Amino acid sequence: MEFEKIFKNNEKWVADKLALDSNYFTELAKGQAPEILYIGCADSRVTAEDLMGLQPGELFVHRNVANMVVSVDLNVMSVINYAINHLKVKHVVVCGHYECGGVKASLQPVDLGILNPWLRNIRDVYRMYQQELDAITDEKLRFDRLVELNVQEQCINVIKTAAVQKAYKERGLTVQGWVFDVRTGKLIDLKINFKEILANIMKIYNLE
């Protein structure tokens, strides 16, 4: 990677923006008011703004290995709380992707060192849906299905948080689960039933 090229690319990007709007960066510096918190994978092929066709300022983004929402991860919990309580986002999107290296690694019986405790969360998803997943004989399709189920479970983990429960009650916040298909470039809506999930788990996870 030639870093000089990156800075030249940046100069061109600035010039292109200013050519369209001479006040672009003046307005950008005034603050942000994104409507969506996007929680996605750190994979270099999955860039949130690009695949959604959005511009700087329109999306608040958190990315980690395999788009996980782990309750003891202060990073993702801080992002969720800041986005909901301070930026007042209207939607939380958890977006996974097919061919996810983190999900694939969780399927391998290998000691991966520091990654072990992180990937264990995905292995827990497999354990929860083992009967369904083991019934899928095609390894590729099983892999894809685990990606989808992992998104579903991370959406549930988002819904378990006090910030989301409160924002839903007060202003109708929604939680969405999507998958990006790197093989076609398309976004797939998993149609996560936020209200039904919330109703089903509130007996245990109600934090009001």
C-alpha atoms as a PDB file:
ATOM      1  CA  MET A   1       0.000   0.000   0.000  1.00  0.00           C
ATOM      2  CA  GLU A   2       1.364   3.381  -1.035  1.00  0.00           C
ATOM      3  CA  PHE A   3       0.277   5.896   1.591  1.00  0.00           C
ATOM      4  CA  GLU A   4       1.066   8.774  -0.735  1.00  0.00           C
ATOM      5  CA  LYS A   5      -1.705   7.497  -2.988  1.00  0.00           C
ATOM      6  CA  ILE A   6      -4.134   7.587  -0.075  1.00  0.00           C
ATOM      7  CA  PHE A   7      -3.418  11.265   0.599  1.00  0.00           C
ATOM      8  CA  LYS A   8      -3.766  12.058  -3.094  1.00  0.00           C
ATOM      9  CA  ASN A   9      -7.094  10.225  -3.094  1.00  0.00           C
ATOM     10  CA  ASN A  10      -8.121  12.330  -0.113  1.00  0.00           C
ATOM     11  CA  GLU A  11      -7.218  15.538  -1.927  1.00  0.00           C
ATOM     12  CA  LYS A  12      -9.335  14.484  -4.899  1.00  0.00           C
ATOM     13  CA  TRP A  13     -12.224  13.528  -2.614  1.00  0.00           C
ATOM     14  CA  VAL A  14     -12.106  16.954  -0.941  1.00  0.00           C
ATOM     15  CA  ALA A  15     -11.992  18.708  -4.315  1.00  0.00           C
ATOM     16  CA  ASP A  16     -14.923  16.664  -5.627  1.00  0.00           C
ATOM     17  CA  LYS A  17     -17.032  17.473  -2.557  1.00  0.00           C
ATOM     18  CA  LEU A  18     -16.242  21.183  -2.736  1.00  0.00           C
ATOM     19  CA  ALA A  19     -16.989  21.259  -6.442  1.00  0.00           C
ATOM     20  CA  LEU A  20     -20.518  20.087  -5.681  1.00  0.00           C
ATOM     21  CA  ASP A  21     -20.980  22.190  -2.549  1.00  0.00           C
ATOM     22  CA  SER A  22     -18.511  24.854  -1.425  1.00  0.00           C
ATOM     23  CA  ASN A  23     -19.970  24.692   2.112  1.00  0.00           C
ATOM     24  CA  TYR A  24     -19.827  20.908   2.378  1.00  0.00           C
ATOM     25  CA  PHE A  25     -17.188  20.698   5.113  1.00  0.00           C
ATOM     26  CA  THR A  26     -18.472  23.792   6.902  1.00  0.00           C
ATOM     27  CA  GLU A  27     -21.822  22.087   7.279  1.00  0.00           C
ATOM     28  CA  LEU A  28     -20.217  18.733   8.139  1.00  0.00           C
ATOM     29  CA  ALA A  29     -18.283  20.357  10.996  1.00  0.00           C
ATOM     30  CA  LYS A  30     -21.471  21.633  12.647  1.00  0.00           C
ATOM     31  CA  GLY A  31     -22.329  18.192  14.048  1.00  0.00           C
ATOM     32  CA  GLN A  32     -24.040  14.926  13.282  1.00  0.00           C
ATOM     33  CA  ALA A  33     -27.637  13.759  13.402  1.00  0.00           C
ATOM     34  CA  PRO A  34     -27.688  10.222  11.978  1.00  0.00           C
ATOM     35  CA  GLU A  35     -30.939   8.291  12.120  1.00  0.00           C
ATOM     36  CA  ILE A  36     -29.290   4.867  12.069  1.00  0.00           C
ATOM     37  CA  LEU A  37     -26.807   3.073  14.293  1.00  0.00           C
ATOM     38  CA  TYR A  38     -25.130   0.404  12.161  1.00  0.00           C
ATOM     39  CA  ILE A  39     -23.412  -2.507  13.923  1.00  0.00           C
ATOM     40  CA  GLY A  40     -21.460  -4.494  11.371  1.00  0.00           C
ATOM     41  CA  CYS A  41     -18.441  -6.668  10.774  1.00  0.00           C
ATOM     42  CA  ALA A  42     -14.904  -5.272  10.571  1.00  0.00           C
ATOM     43  CA  ASP A  43     -14.338  -7.189   7.315  1.00  0.00           C
ATOM     44  CA  SER A  44     -12.572  -4.933   4.800  1.00  0.00           C
ATOM     45  CA  ARG A  45     -15.049  -5.882   2.061  1.00  0.00           C
ATOM     46  CA  VAL A  46     -18.075  -4.581   3.961  1.00  0.00           C
ATOM     47  CA  THR A  47     -18.071  -0.777   4.128  1.00  0.00           C
ATOM     48  CA  ALA A  48     -21.325   0.438   5.633  1.00  0.00           C
ATOM     49  CA  GLU A  49     -21.800   3.793   3.893  1.00  0.00           C
ATOM     50  CA  ASP A  50     -20.858   2.414   0.464  1.00  0.00           C
ATOM     51  CA  LEU A  51     -23.194  -0.561   0.483  1.00  0.00           C
ATOM     52  CA  MET A  52     -26.065   1.581   1.800  1.00  0.00           C
ATOM     53  CA  GLY A  53     -25.398   4.491  -0.549  1.00  0.00           C
ATOM     54  CA  LEU A  54     -25.116   6.993   2.311  1.00  0.00           C
ATOM     55  CA  GLN A  55     -22.895   9.996   2.921  1.00  0.00           C
ATOM     56  CA  PRO A  56     -20.774  11.083   5.903  1.00  0.00           C
ATOM     57  CA  GLY A  57     -23.046  12.185   8.723  1.00  0.00           C
ATOM     58  CA  GLU A  58     -25.915   9.873   7.809  1.00  0.00           C
ATOM     59  CA  LEU A  59     -24.785   6.746   9.648  1.00  0.00           C
ATOM     60  CA  PHE A  60     -23.277   6.088  13.083  1.00  0.00           C
ATOM     61  CA  VAL A  61     -21.075   3.005  12.715  1.00  0.00           C
ATOM     62  CA  HIS A  62     -19.635   0.368  15.021  1.00  0.00           C
ATOM     63  CA  ARG A  63     -17.719  -2.577  13.547  1.00  0.00           C
ATOM     64  CA  ASN A  64     -16.067  -5.581  15.146  1.00  0.00           C
ATOM     65  CA  VAL A  65     -15.271  -9.197  14.283  1.00  0.00           C
ATOM     66  CA  ALA A  66     -18.529 -10.872  13.169  1.00  0.00           C
ATOM     67  CA  ASN A  67     -20.838  -7.966  14.161  1.00  0.00           C
ATOM     68  CA  MET A  68     -21.174  -9.078  17.758  1.00  0.00           C
ATOM     69  CA  VAL A  69     -23.163  -7.408  20.544  1.00  0.00           C
ATOM     70  CA  VAL A  70     -21.625  -8.790  23.738  1.00  0.00           C
ATOM     71  CA  SER A  71     -22.941  -7.417  27.017  1.00  0.00           C
ATOM     72  CA  VAL A  72     -19.498  -7.235  28.655  1.00  0.00           C
ATOM     73  CA  ASP A  73     -17.923  -5.446  25.678  1.00  0.00           C
ATOM     74  CA  LEU A  74     -17.780  -1.835  26.874  1.00  0.00           C
ATOM     75  CA  ASN A  75     -16.986  -0.663  23.356  1.00  0.00           C
ATOM     76  CA  VAL A  76     -20.218  -1.775  21.716  1.00  0.00           C
ATOM     77  CA  MET A  77     -22.270  -0.968  24.821  1.00  0.00           C
ATOM     78  CA  SER A  78     -20.854   2.565  24.888  1.00  0.00           C
ATOM     79  CA  VAL A  79     -21.661   3.001  21.205  1.00  0.00           C
ATOM     80  CA  ILE A  80     -25.235   1.796  21.693  1.00  0.00           C
ATOM     81  CA  ASN A  81     -25.810   4.080  24.660  1.00  0.00           C
ATOM     82  CA  TYR A  82     -24.256   7.110  22.973  1.00  0.00           C
ATOM     83  CA  ALA A  83     -26.151   6.578  19.726  1.00  0.00           C
ATOM     84  CA  ILE A  84     -29.504   6.093  21.444  1.00  0.00           C
ATOM     85  CA  ASN A  85     -29.308   8.448  24.417  1.00  0.00           C
ATOM     86  CA  HIS A  86     -27.342  11.322  22.881  1.00  0.00           C
ATOM     87  CA  LEU A  87     -27.633  11.120  19.090  1.00  0.00           C
ATOM     88  CA  LYS A  88     -31.236   9.912  19.384  1.00  0.00           C
ATOM     89  CA  VAL A  89     -31.002   7.504  16.457  1.00  0.00           C
ATOM     90  CA  LYS A  90     -34.314   6.089  15.280  1.00  0.00           C
ATOM     91  CA  HIS A  91     -33.069   2.679  14.175  1.00  0.00           C
ATOM     92  CA  VAL A  92     -30.423   0.136  15.157  1.00  0.00           C
ATOM     93  CA  VAL A  93     -29.243  -2.147  12.352  1.00  0.00           C
ATOM     94  CA  VAL A  94     -27.179  -5.280  12.942  1.00  0.00           C
ATOM     95  CA  CYS A  95     -25.687  -6.293   9.595  1.00  0.00           C
ATOM     96  CA  GLY A  96     -23.773  -9.513   9.042  1.00  0.00           C
ATOM     97  CA  HIS A  97     -22.405 -10.817   5.770  1.00  0.00           C
ATOM     98  CA  TYR A  98     -21.960 -14.108   3.984  1.00  0.00           C
ATOM     99  CA  GLU A  99     -18.383 -15.450   3.799  1.00  0.00           C
ATOM    100  CA  CYS A 100     -17.721 -13.949   7.231  1.00  0.00           C
ATOM    101  CA  GLY A 101     -14.277 -14.972   8.472  1.00  0.00           C
ATOM    102  CA  GLY A 102     -15.280 -14.710  12.127  1.00  0.00           C
ATOM    103  CA  VAL A 103     -18.284 -16.972  11.719  1.00  0.00           C
ATOM    104  CA  LYS A 104     -16.232 -19.412   9.644  1.00  0.00           C
ATOM    105  CA  ALA A 105     -13.496 -19.495  12.296  1.00  0.00           C
ATOM    106  CA  SER A 106     -16.082 -20.371  14.936  1.00  0.00           C
ATOM    107  CA  LEU A 107     -16.875 -23.529  12.967  1.00  0.00           C
ATOM    108  CA  GLN A 108     -13.291 -24.765  13.148  1.00  0.00           C
ATOM    109  CA  PRO A 109     -12.067 -26.952  16.061  1.00  0.00           C
ATOM    110  CA  VAL A 110      -8.914 -24.880  16.429  1.00  0.00           C
ATOM    111  CA  ASP A 111      -7.338 -22.978  19.316  1.00  0.00           C
ATOM    112  CA  LEU A 112      -7.227 -19.380  18.109  1.00  0.00           C
ATOM    113  CA  GLY A 113      -5.791 -17.804  21.234  1.00  0.00           C
ATOM    114  CA  ILE A 114      -7.243 -14.430  22.180  1.00  0.00           C
ATOM    115  CA  LEU A 115     -10.036 -14.950  19.653  1.00  0.00           C
ATOM    116  CA  ASN A 116     -11.373 -17.949  21.592  1.00  0.00           C
ATOM    117  CA  PRO A 117     -13.598 -16.041  24.062  1.00  0.00           C
ATOM    118  CA  TRP A 118     -14.931 -13.799  21.302  1.00  0.00           C
ATOM    119  CA  LEU A 119     -15.730 -16.648  18.924  1.00  0.00           C
ATOM    120  CA  ARG A 120     -17.313 -18.612  21.744  1.00  0.00           C
ATOM    121  CA  ASN A 121     -20.268 -16.245  21.476  1.00  0.00           C
ATOM    122  CA  ILE A 122     -20.820 -17.432  17.908  1.00  0.00           C
ATOM    123  CA  ARG A 123     -20.345 -21.047  18.945  1.00  0.00           C
ATOM    124  CA  ASP A 124     -23.070 -20.442  21.529  1.00  0.00           C
ATOM    125  CA  VAL A 125     -25.365 -19.405  18.680  1.00  0.00           C
ATOM    126  CA  TYR A 126     -24.559 -22.690  16.935  1.00  0.00           C
ATOM    127  CA  ARG A 127     -25.297 -24.604  20.133  1.00  0.00           C
ATOM    128  CA  MET A 128     -28.687 -22.894  20.451  1.00  0.00           C
ATOM    129  CA  TYR A 129     -29.627 -23.840  16.883  1.00  0.00           C
ATOM    130  CA  GLN A 130     -27.619 -27.036  16.584  1.00  0.00           C
ATOM    131  CA  GLN A 131     -30.539 -29.212  15.520  1.00  0.00           C
ATOM    132  CA  GLU A 132     -31.463 -26.877  12.670  1.00  0.00           C
ATOM    133  CA  LEU A 133     -27.859 -26.331  11.560  1.00  0.00           C
ATOM    134  CA  ASP A 134     -26.808 -29.973  11.745  1.00  0.00           C
ATOM    135  CA  ALA A 135     -29.767 -30.861   9.546  1.00  0.00           C
ATOM    136  CA  ILE A 136     -28.290 -28.745   6.726  1.00  0.00           C
ATOM    137  CA  THR A 137     -26.031 -31.146   4.849  1.00  0.00           C
ATOM    138  CA  ASP A 138     -24.565 -28.561   2.462  1.00  0.00           C
ATOM    139  CA  GLU A 139     -21.648 -26.998   4.349  1.00  0.00           C
ATOM    140  CA  LYS A 140     -21.911 -23.692   2.474  1.00  0.00           C
ATOM    141  CA  LEU A 141     -25.623 -23.363   3.201  1.00  0.00           C
ATOM    142  CA  ARG A 142     -24.992 -24.236   6.854  1.00  0.00           C
ATOM    143  CA  PHE A 143     -22.364 -21.500   7.005  1.00  0.00           C
ATOM    144  CA  ASP A 144     -24.793 -18.983   5.470  1.00  0.00           C
ATOM    145  CA  ARG A 145     -27.525 -19.955   7.898  1.00  0.00           C
ATOM    146  CA  LEU A 146     -25.222 -19.500  10.890  1.00  0.00           C
ATOM    147  CA  VAL A 147     -24.424 -15.999   9.604  1.00  0.00           C
ATOM    148  CA  GLU A 148     -28.167 -15.248   9.585  1.00  0.00           C
ATOM    149  CA  LEU A 149     -28.802 -16.776  13.001  1.00  0.00           C
ATOM    150  CA  ASN A 150     -25.876 -14.861  14.438  1.00  0.00           C
ATOM    151  CA  VAL A 151     -27.408 -11.600  13.201  1.00  0.00           C
ATOM    152  CA  GLN A 152     -30.715 -12.608  14.753  1.00  0.00           C
ATOM    153  CA  GLU A 153     -29.122 -13.340  18.122  1.00  0.00           C
ATOM    154  CA  GLN A 154     -27.142 -10.096  18.093  1.00  0.00           C
ATOM    155  CA  CYS A 155     -30.393  -8.236  17.424  1.00  0.00           C
ATOM    156  CA  ILE A 156     -31.822  -9.952  20.492  1.00  0.00           C
ATOM    157  CA  ASN A 157     -28.766  -8.857  22.471  1.00  0.00           C
ATOM    158  CA  VAL A 158     -29.423  -5.280  21.347  1.00  0.00           C
ATOM    159  CA  ILE A 159     -33.052  -5.570  22.428  1.00  0.00           C
ATOM    160  CA  LYS A 160     -31.970  -6.778  25.875  1.00  0.00           C
ATOM    161  CA  THR A 161     -30.332  -3.426  26.648  1.00  0.00           C
ATOM    162  CA  ALA A 162     -32.037  -0.829  28.838  1.00  0.00           C
ATOM    163  CA  ALA A 163     -31.324   1.973  26.347  1.00  0.00           C
ATOM    164  CA  VAL A 164     -33.165   0.192  23.534  1.00  0.00           C
ATOM    165  CA  GLN A 165     -36.121  -0.810  25.710  1.00  0.00           C
ATOM    166  CA  LYS A 166     -36.526   2.752  26.938  1.00  0.00           C
ATOM    167  CA  ALA A 167     -36.148   4.318  23.478  1.00  0.00           C
ATOM    168  CA  TYR A 168     -38.689   1.919  22.010  1.00  0.00           C
ATOM    169  CA  LYS A 169     -41.217   2.797  24.698  1.00  0.00           C
ATOM    170  CA  GLU A 170     -40.618   6.541  24.509  1.00  0.00           C
ATOM    171  CA  ARG A 171     -40.113   7.135  20.773  1.00  0.00           C
ATOM    172  CA  GLY A 172     -40.600   3.945  18.791  1.00  0.00           C
ATOM    173  CA  LEU A 173     -36.977   2.984  18.124  1.00  0.00           C
ATOM    174  CA  THR A 174     -36.663  -0.066  15.858  1.00  0.00           C
ATOM    175  CA  VAL A 175     -34.084  -2.856  15.587  1.00  0.00           C
ATOM    176  CA  GLN A 176     -33.310  -4.360  12.174  1.00  0.00           C
ATOM    177  CA  GLY A 177     -31.344  -7.450  11.136  1.00  0.00           C
ATOM    178  CA  TRP A 178     -29.703  -7.533   7.709  1.00  0.00           C
ATOM    179  CA  VAL A 179     -27.164  -9.620   5.801  1.00  0.00           C
ATOM    180  CA  PHE A 180     -24.883  -8.289   3.070  1.00  0.00           C
ATOM    181  CA  ASP A 181     -24.288 -10.840   0.326  1.00  0.00           C
ATOM    182  CA  VAL A 182     -20.703 -10.231  -0.795  1.00  0.00           C
ATOM    183  CA  ARG A 183     -21.321 -12.590  -3.710  1.00  0.00           C
ATOM    184  CA  THR A 184     -23.984 -10.342  -5.260  1.00  0.00           C
ATOM    185  CA  GLY A 185     -23.587  -7.000  -3.492  1.00  0.00           C
ATOM    186  CA  LYS A 186     -27.177  -7.102  -2.277  1.00  0.00           C
ATOM    187  CA  LEU A 187     -28.543  -6.325   1.177  1.00  0.00           C
ATOM    188  CA  ILE A 188     -30.984  -8.888   2.562  1.00  0.00           C
ATOM    189  CA  ASP A 189     -33.565  -7.926   5.173  1.00  0.00           C
ATOM    190  CA  LEU A 190     -33.991 -10.845   7.589  1.00  0.00           C
ATOM    191  CA  LYS A 191     -37.282  -9.283   8.687  1.00  0.00           C
ATOM    192  CA  ILE A 192     -36.512  -9.548  12.381  1.00  0.00           C
ATOM    193  CA  ASN A 193     -39.801  -9.145  14.263  1.00  0.00           C
ATOM    194  CA  PHE A 194     -38.609  -6.632  16.835  1.00  0.00           C
ATOM    195  CA  LYS A 195     -41.915  -6.269  18.682  1.00  0.00           C
ATOM    196  CA  GLU A 196     -42.483 -10.021  18.918  1.00  0.00           C
ATOM    197  CA  ILE A 197     -38.956 -10.661  20.207  1.00  0.00           C
ATOM    198  CA  LEU A 198     -39.303  -7.868  22.739  1.00  0.00           C
ATOM    199  CA  ALA A 199     -42.616  -9.262  23.986  1.00  0.00           C
ATOM    200  CA  ASN A 200     -41.162 -12.771  24.293  1.00  0.00           C
ATOM    201  CA  ILE A 201     -38.079 -11.794  26.297  1.00  0.00           C
ATOM    202  CA  MET A 202     -39.445  -9.039  28.521  1.00  0.00           C
ATOM    203  CA  LYS A 203     -40.366 -11.414  31.350  1.00  0.00           C
ATOM    204  CA  ILE A 204     -36.647 -12.124  31.799  1.00  0.00           C
ATOM    205  CA  TYR A 205     -34.897  -9.068  30.342  1.00  0.00           C
ATOM    206  CA  ASN A 206     -37.244  -6.242  31.337  1.00  0.00           C
ATOM    207  CA  LEU A 207     -34.997  -3.445  32.668  1.00  0.00           C
ATOM    208  CA  GLU A 208     -37.607  -0.753  33.295  1.00  0.00           C
END
